[in-house]
C-alpha atoms as a PDB file:
ATOM      1  CA  MET A   1     104.182  93.648  62.710  1.00  0.00           C
ATOM      2  CA  SER A   2     102.716  90.991  65.671  1.00  0.00           C
ATOM      3  CA  ILE A   3     101.132  92.747  68.772  1.00  0.00           C
ATOM      4  CA  VAL A   4     101.627  90.756  71.667  1.00  0.00           C
ATOM      5  CA  LEU A   5      98.758  91.698  75.150  1.00  0.00           C
ATOM      6  CA  ASN A   6      97.700  90.606  78.557  1.00  0.00           C
ATOM      7  CA  LEU A   7      93.825  91.319  77.617  1.00  0.00           C
ATOM      8  CA  ARG A   8      91.171  90.443  79.728  1.00  0.00           C
ATOM      9  CA  PHE A   9      88.091  87.979  77.136  1.00  0.00           C
ATOM     10  CA  GLN A  10      84.598  90.379  77.036  1.00  0.00           C
ATOM     11  CA  LYS A  11      82.328  88.629  74.834  1.00  0.00           C
ATOM     12  CA  LEU A  12      81.650  87.847  71.002  1.00  0.00           C
ATOM     13  CA  ASP A  13      79.610  90.416  69.833  1.00  0.00           C
ATOM     14  CA  LYS A  14      76.426  89.435  67.532  1.00  0.00           C
ATOM     15  CA  TYR A  15      78.622  89.174  64.038  1.00  0.00           C
ATOM     16  CA  LYS A  16      80.722  87.079  66.416  1.00  0.00           C
ATOM     17  CA  ASN A  17      83.843  89.370  67.080  1.00  0.00           C
ATOM     18  CA  SER A  18      85.975  88.661  70.143  1.00  0.00           C
ATOM     19  CA  ILE A  19      86.198  91.823  72.167  1.00  0.00           C
ATOM     20  CA  PHE A  20      89.181  92.374  74.674  1.00  0.00           C
ATOM     21  CA  ILE A  21      89.057  95.367  77.364  1.00  0.00           C
ATOM     22  CA  ALA A  22      91.405  96.401  79.405  1.00  0.00           C
ATOM     23  CA  ASN A  23      91.285  98.725  82.397  1.00  0.00           C
ATOM     24  CA  PRO A  24      93.589 101.124  83.841  1.00  0.00           C
ATOM     25  CA  LYS A  25      93.594  99.305  87.378  1.00  0.00           C
ATOM     26  CA  LYS A  26      94.305  95.912  86.849  1.00  0.00           C
ATOM     27  CA  GLU A  27      95.496  95.629  83.178  1.00  0.00           C
ATOM     28  CA  ALA A  28      97.431  99.304  82.956  1.00  0.00           C
ATOM     29  CA  GLU A  29     100.382  98.138  80.129  1.00  0.00           C
ATOM     30  CA  ALA A  30      97.696  96.741  77.996  1.00  0.00           C
ATOM     31  CA  PHE A  31      95.619 100.237  78.615  1.00  0.00           C
ATOM     32  CA  ASN A  32      97.960 102.500  77.656  1.00  0.00           C
ATOM     33  CA  LYS A  33      98.741  99.827  74.397  1.00  0.00           C
ATOM     34  CA  LEU A  34      95.201 100.283  73.144  1.00  0.00           C
ATOM     35  CA  SER A  35      94.950 104.088  74.084  1.00  0.00           C
ATOM     36  CA  SER A  36      98.023 104.712  72.194  1.00  0.00           C
ATOM     37  CA  TYR A  37      96.445 102.823  69.407  1.00  0.00           C
ATOM     38  CA  TYR A  38      93.486 104.778  69.337  1.00  0.00           C
ATOM     39  CA  THR A  39      94.891 108.110  69.322  1.00  0.00           C
ATOM     40  CA  LYS A  40      97.052 106.996  65.942  1.00  0.00           C
ATOM     41  CA  LEU A  41      94.184 105.842  64.709  1.00  0.00           C
ATOM     42  CA  LYS A  42      91.032 108.112  65.312  1.00  0.00           C
ATOM     43  CA  ASP A  43      92.995 110.658  63.936  1.00  0.00           C
ATOM     44  CA  THR A  44      93.975 109.223  60.344  1.00  0.00           C
ATOM     45  CA  ILE A  45      91.345 107.193  59.606  1.00  0.00           C
ATOM     46  CA  GLU A  46      87.892 108.204  59.099  1.00  0.00           C
ATOM     47  CA  SER A  47      86.041 105.021  59.278  1.00  0.00           C
ATOM     48  CA  TYR A  48      85.107 102.579  61.865  1.00  0.00           C
ATOM     49  CA  ILE A  49      87.863 101.419  64.330  1.00  0.00           C
ATOM     50  CA  PRO A  50      88.525  97.923  65.769  1.00  0.00           C
ATOM     51  CA  ILE A  51      90.082  99.850  68.796  1.00  0.00           C
ATOM     52  CA  TYR A  52      88.151 102.265  71.191  1.00  0.00           C
ATOM     53  CA  ALA A  53      89.684 103.949  74.252  1.00  0.00           C
ATOM     54  CA  THR A  54      88.744 106.274  77.099  1.00  0.00           C
ATOM     55  CA  THR A  55      89.744 107.367  80.275  1.00  0.00           C
ATOM     56  CA  GLU A  56      88.554 104.479  82.068  1.00  0.00           C
ATOM     57  CA  TYR A  57      88.644 101.448  79.736  1.00  0.00           C
ATOM     58  CA  ALA A  58      89.952 100.297  76.297  1.00  0.00           C
ATOM     59  CA  THR A  59      88.883  97.724  74.053  1.00  0.00           C
ATOM     60  CA  ILE A  60      89.924  95.877  71.136  1.00  0.00           C
ATOM     61  CA  ARG A  61      87.469  94.148  68.898  1.00  0.00           C
ATOM     62  CA  PHE A  62      89.073  91.358  66.373  1.00  0.00           C
ATOM     63  CA  LYS A  63      87.170  89.745  63.122  1.00  0.00           C
ATOM     64  CA  PRO A  64      85.853  86.085  64.010  1.00  0.00           C
ATOM     65  CA  ASN A  65      87.718  83.082  63.452  1.00  0.00           C
ATOM     66  CA  ASN A  66      86.960  79.365  64.267  1.00  0.00           C
ATOM     67  CA  LYS A  67      90.868  78.676  66.024  1.00  0.00           C
ATOM     68  CA  PHE A  68      90.119  80.426  69.057  1.00  0.00           C
ATOM     69  CA  THR A  69      87.489  79.974  71.631  1.00  0.00           C
ATOM     70  CA  PHE A  70      87.838  82.122  75.233  1.00  0.00           C
ATOM     71  CA  ASP A  71      85.663  82.427  78.263  1.00  0.00           C
ATOM     72  CA  GLU A  72      84.298  85.071  79.402  1.00  0.00           C
ATOM     73  CA  ASN A  73      86.917  87.754  82.104  1.00  0.00           C
ATOM     74  CA  ASN A  74      89.605  84.923  81.709  1.00  0.00           C
ATOM     75  CA  ILE A  75      92.668  86.787  80.836  1.00  0.00           C
ATOM     76  CA  TYR A  76      94.685  85.591  77.766  1.00  0.00           C
ATOM     77  CA  THR A  77      98.270  86.660  76.382  1.00  0.00           C
ATOM     78  CA  ILE A  78      97.124  87.152  72.893  1.00  0.00           C
ATOM     79  CA  THR A  79      99.295  87.971  70.022  1.00  0.00           C
ATOM     80  CA  PHE A  80      97.476  89.664  67.051  1.00  0.00           C
ATOM     81  CA  THR A  81      98.021  92.027  63.957  1.00  0.00           C
ATOM     82  CA  VAL A  82      96.330  95.433  62.932  1.00  0.00           C
ATOM     83  CA  ASN A  83      95.553  95.388  59.321  1.00  0.00           C
ATOM     84  CA  LYS A  84      94.659  98.315  56.967  1.00  0.00           C
ATOM     85  CA  LYS A  85      93.253  97.874  53.723  1.00  0.00           C
ATOM     86  CA  ALA A  86      91.608 100.170  51.369  1.00  0.00           C
ATOM     87  CA  ASN A  87      88.825  99.582  48.753  1.00  0.00           C
ATOM     88  CA  ASP A  88      87.725 100.452  45.607  1.00  0.00           C
ATOM     89  CA  GLU A  89      86.840 103.669  46.473  1.00  0.00           C
ATOM     90  CA  GLY A  90      90.377 104.441  48.108  1.00  0.00           C
ATOM     91  CA  LYS A  91      88.510 104.322  51.927  1.00  0.00           C
ATOM     92  CA  GLU A  92      90.650 102.900  54.527  1.00  0.00           C
ATOM     93  CA  PHE A  93      89.682 100.177  56.908  1.00  0.00           C
ATOM     94  CA  ILE A  94      91.049  98.829  59.857  1.00  0.00           C
ATOM     95  CA  SER A  95      90.573  95.059  60.702  1.00  0.00           C
ATOM     96  CA  CYS A  96      92.518  93.104  63.810  1.00  0.00           C
ATOM     97  CA  PHE A  97      93.073  89.237  63.338  1.00  0.00           C
ATOM     98  CA  LEU A  98      94.453  87.006  66.054  1.00  0.00           C
ATOM     99  CA  SER A  99      97.220  84.634  65.650  1.00  0.00           C
ATOM    100  CA  ASN A 100      97.978  82.844  68.521  1.00  0.00           C
ATOM    101  CA  SER A 101      96.204  83.069  72.232  1.00  0.00           C
ATOM    102  CA  LYS A 102      96.961  81.423  75.717  1.00  0.00           C
ATOM    103  CA  LEU A 103      94.964  81.456  79.152  1.00  0.00           C
ATOM    104  CA  LEU A 104      96.996  83.614  81.546  1.00  0.00           C
ATOM    105  CA  GLU A 105      94.617  83.709  84.285  1.00  0.00           C
ATOM    106  CA  LYS A 106      90.687  82.279  85.022  1.00  0.00           C
ATOM    107  CA  ALA A 107      88.292  84.088  86.436  1.00  0.00           C
ATOM    108  CA  VAL A 108      86.914  83.798  89.832  1.00  0.00           C
ATOM    109  CA  LYS A 109      83.672  82.138  89.998  1.00  0.00           C
ATOM    110  CA  ILE A 110      80.945  84.623  90.831  1.00  0.00           C
ATOM    111  CA  ASP A 111      78.100  82.697  93.276  1.00  0.00           C
ATOM    112  CA  ARG A 112      74.935  83.889  92.128  1.00  0.00           C
ATOM    113  CA  GLY A 113      73.158  82.576  94.889  1.00  0.00           C
ATOM    114  CA  GLU A 114      70.294  79.652  94.184  1.00  0.00           C
ATOM    115  CA  ILE A 115      67.518  79.759  91.214  1.00  0.00           C
ATOM    116  CA  LEU A 116      64.296  80.513  92.793  1.00  0.00           C
ATOM    117  CA  GLN A 117      61.326  78.454  91.668  1.00  0.00           C
ATOM    118  CA  LEU A 118      58.745  81.551  91.000  1.00  0.00           C
ATOM    119  CA  ASP A 119      56.024  78.920  88.997  1.00  0.00           C
END
């Protein structure tokens, strides 16, 4: 079943996984859904879970893809699936896969000031 949420892109990790974040103030609906998914999964899955939540933020990590590119802090409407797969020993693994993305809101550019020449 596909899930649709508005999430803020945080970064690519060292394995090229796309990480999105939601906080309870700015992205309350997405935060609540990710938190509930995390609560359901953490009690049933013993391996790594690509969804994580605390009282301050919730994140979701998607498997690498070449179809989409994201800019940090932009908000995207994303469509994704959460899949469960067992290996040969029967250990279950959870993976999240993006199936669609649309830019919803561009991040405000931060003025970092002028670059100093210190040489």
